[in-house]
């Protein structure tokens, strides 16, 4: 799913190049920090009225796409 590209941008002039939601200075990592810290999606949307549900869904799609592109390097587990 590449639809997030309309909603997520990376610019060296915004938040030092962190992936951000378009037309905001809210980084994808900020959204995950809020959600990981216990906020619900509705609470995030209430606190940031410029965000939409589609923006938050784009953050998940971006993260999933980035995760799929990682190279897995096998390692041995110490016993």
C-alpha atoms as a PDB file:
ATOM      1  CA  UNK A   1       0.000   0.000   0.000  1.00  0.00           C
ATOM      2  CA  UNK A   2       1.640   3.199  -1.176  1.00  0.00           C
ATOM      3  CA  UNK A   3      -1.347   5.491  -0.608  1.00  0.00           C
ATOM      4  CA  UNK A   4       0.400   6.945   2.436  1.00  0.00           C
ATOM      5  CA  UNK A   5       2.731   8.860   0.116  1.00  0.00           C
ATOM      6  CA  UNK A   6       0.054  11.524  -0.297  1.00  0.00           C
ATOM      7  CA  UNK A   7      -0.001  12.029   3.463  1.00  0.00           C
ATOM      8  CA  UNK A   8       3.568  11.405   4.652  1.00  0.00           C
ATOM      9  CA  UNK A   9       6.483  13.544   3.521  1.00  0.00           C
ATOM     10  CA  UNK A  10      10.195  13.607   4.238  1.00  0.00           C
ATOM     11  CA  UNK A  11      11.935  16.951   3.928  1.00  0.00           C
ATOM     12  CA  UNK A  12      15.341  17.889   5.339  1.00  0.00           C
ATOM     13  CA  UNK A  13      13.849  21.252   6.354  1.00  0.00           C
ATOM     14  CA  UNK A  14      11.070  19.772   8.486  1.00  0.00           C
ATOM     15  CA  UNK A  15      11.924  18.043  11.766  1.00  0.00           C
ATOM     16  CA  UNK A  16      15.447  17.257  10.493  1.00  0.00           C
ATOM     17  CA  UNK A  17      14.121  14.940   7.810  1.00  0.00           C
ATOM     18  CA  UNK A  18      11.864  12.807   9.995  1.00  0.00           C
ATOM     19  CA  UNK A  19       8.839  11.424   8.144  1.00  0.00           C
ATOM     20  CA  UNK A  20       5.971  13.817   8.942  1.00  0.00           C
ATOM     21  CA  UNK A  21       2.315  14.152   8.163  1.00  0.00           C
ATOM     22  CA  UNK A  22       1.905  16.561   5.233  1.00  0.00           C
ATOM     23  CA  UNK A  23       1.239  20.207   6.153  1.00  0.00           C
ATOM     24  CA  UNK A  24       2.127  19.580   9.801  1.00  0.00           C
ATOM     25  CA  UNK A  25       5.273  19.233  11.847  1.00  0.00           C
ATOM     26  CA  UNK A  26       3.895  16.051  13.437  1.00  0.00           C
ATOM     27  CA  UNK A  27       6.281  13.160  12.852  1.00  0.00           C
ATOM     28  CA  UNK A  28       5.118   9.609  12.261  1.00  0.00           C
ATOM     29  CA  UNK A  29       7.134   8.667  15.349  1.00  0.00           C
ATOM     30  CA  UNK A  30       5.180  11.250  17.392  1.00  0.00           C
ATOM     31  CA  UNK A  31       1.921   9.528  16.484  1.00  0.00           C
ATOM     32  CA  UNK A  32       3.321   6.159  17.564  1.00  0.00           C
ATOM     33  CA  UNK A  33       4.708   7.678  20.772  1.00  0.00           C
ATOM     34  CA  UNK A  34       1.240   8.994  21.656  1.00  0.00           C
ATOM     35  CA  UNK A  35      -0.467   5.707  20.824  1.00  0.00           C
ATOM     36  CA  UNK A  36       2.249   3.657  22.528  1.00  0.00           C
ATOM     37  CA  UNK A  37       1.950   5.884  25.578  1.00  0.00           C
ATOM     38  CA  UNK A  38      -1.661   4.852  26.006  1.00  0.00           C
ATOM     39  CA  UNK A  39      -3.609   7.478  24.069  1.00  0.00           C
ATOM     40  CA  UNK A  40      -6.422   6.227  21.897  1.00  0.00           C
ATOM     41  CA  UNK A  41      -6.767   7.248  18.271  1.00  0.00           C
ATOM     42  CA  UNK A  42      -9.719   9.436  19.261  1.00  0.00           C
ATOM     43  CA  UNK A  43      -7.630  11.168  21.936  1.00  0.00           C
ATOM     44  CA  UNK A  44      -4.853  11.874  19.433  1.00  0.00           C
ATOM     45  CA  UNK A  45      -7.399  13.277  16.980  1.00  0.00           C
ATOM     46  CA  UNK A  46      -8.932  15.442  19.730  1.00  0.00           C
ATOM     47  CA  UNK A  47      -5.524  16.801  20.769  1.00  0.00           C
ATOM     48  CA  UNK A  48      -4.444  17.478  17.178  1.00  0.00           C
ATOM     49  CA  UNK A  49      -7.458  18.786  15.255  1.00  0.00           C
ATOM     50  CA  UNK A  50      -5.419  19.109  12.046  1.00  0.00           C
ATOM     51  CA  UNK A  51      -5.001  15.318  11.957  1.00  0.00           C
ATOM     52  CA  UNK A  52      -7.503  12.952  10.421  1.00  0.00           C
ATOM     53  CA  UNK A  53      -8.076   9.244  10.837  1.00  0.00           C
ATOM     54  CA  UNK A  54      -6.616   8.817   7.346  1.00  0.00           C
ATOM     55  CA  UNK A  55      -3.409  10.527   8.546  1.00  0.00           C
ATOM     56  CA  UNK A  56      -3.047   8.046  11.398  1.00  0.00           C
ATOM     57  CA  UNK A  57      -3.789   5.135   9.071  1.00  0.00           C
ATOM     58  CA  UNK A  58      -1.101   6.499   6.740  1.00  0.00           C
ATOM     59  CA  UNK A  59       1.381   6.376   9.639  1.00  0.00           C
ATOM     60  CA  UNK A  60       0.634   2.673  10.083  1.00  0.00           C
ATOM     61  CA  UNK A  61       0.914   2.022   6.346  1.00  0.00           C
ATOM     62  CA  UNK A  62       4.227   3.900   6.223  1.00  0.00           C
ATOM     63  CA  UNK A  63       5.612   1.911   9.161  1.00  0.00           C
ATOM     64  CA  UNK A  64       4.439  -1.400   7.686  1.00  0.00           C
ATOM     65  CA  UNK A  65       6.015  -0.565   4.336  1.00  0.00           C
ATOM     66  CA  UNK A  66       9.270   0.432   5.990  1.00  0.00           C
ATOM     67  CA  UNK A  67       9.271  -2.779   8.042  1.00  0.00           C
ATOM     68  CA  UNK A  68       8.783  -4.898   4.920  1.00  0.00           C
ATOM     69  CA  UNK A  69      11.801  -3.257   3.324  1.00  0.00           C
ATOM     70  CA  UNK A  70      14.165  -4.153   6.172  1.00  0.00           C
ATOM     71  CA  UNK A  71      16.771  -6.786   5.490  1.00  0.00           C
ATOM     72  CA  UNK A  72      16.717  -9.590   8.010  1.00  0.00           C
ATOM     73  CA  UNK A  73      20.151 -10.730   9.071  1.00  0.00           C
ATOM     74  CA  UNK A  74      20.170 -14.132  10.786  1.00  0.00           C
ATOM     75  CA  UNK A  75      22.056 -14.297  14.028  1.00  0.00           C
ATOM     76  CA  UNK A  76      22.938 -16.991  16.494  1.00  0.00           C
ATOM     77  CA  UNK A  77      21.358 -16.988  19.896  1.00  0.00           C
ATOM     78  CA  UNK A  78      23.848 -17.389  22.729  1.00  0.00           C
ATOM     79  CA  UNK A  79      23.067 -20.406  24.882  1.00  0.00           C
END
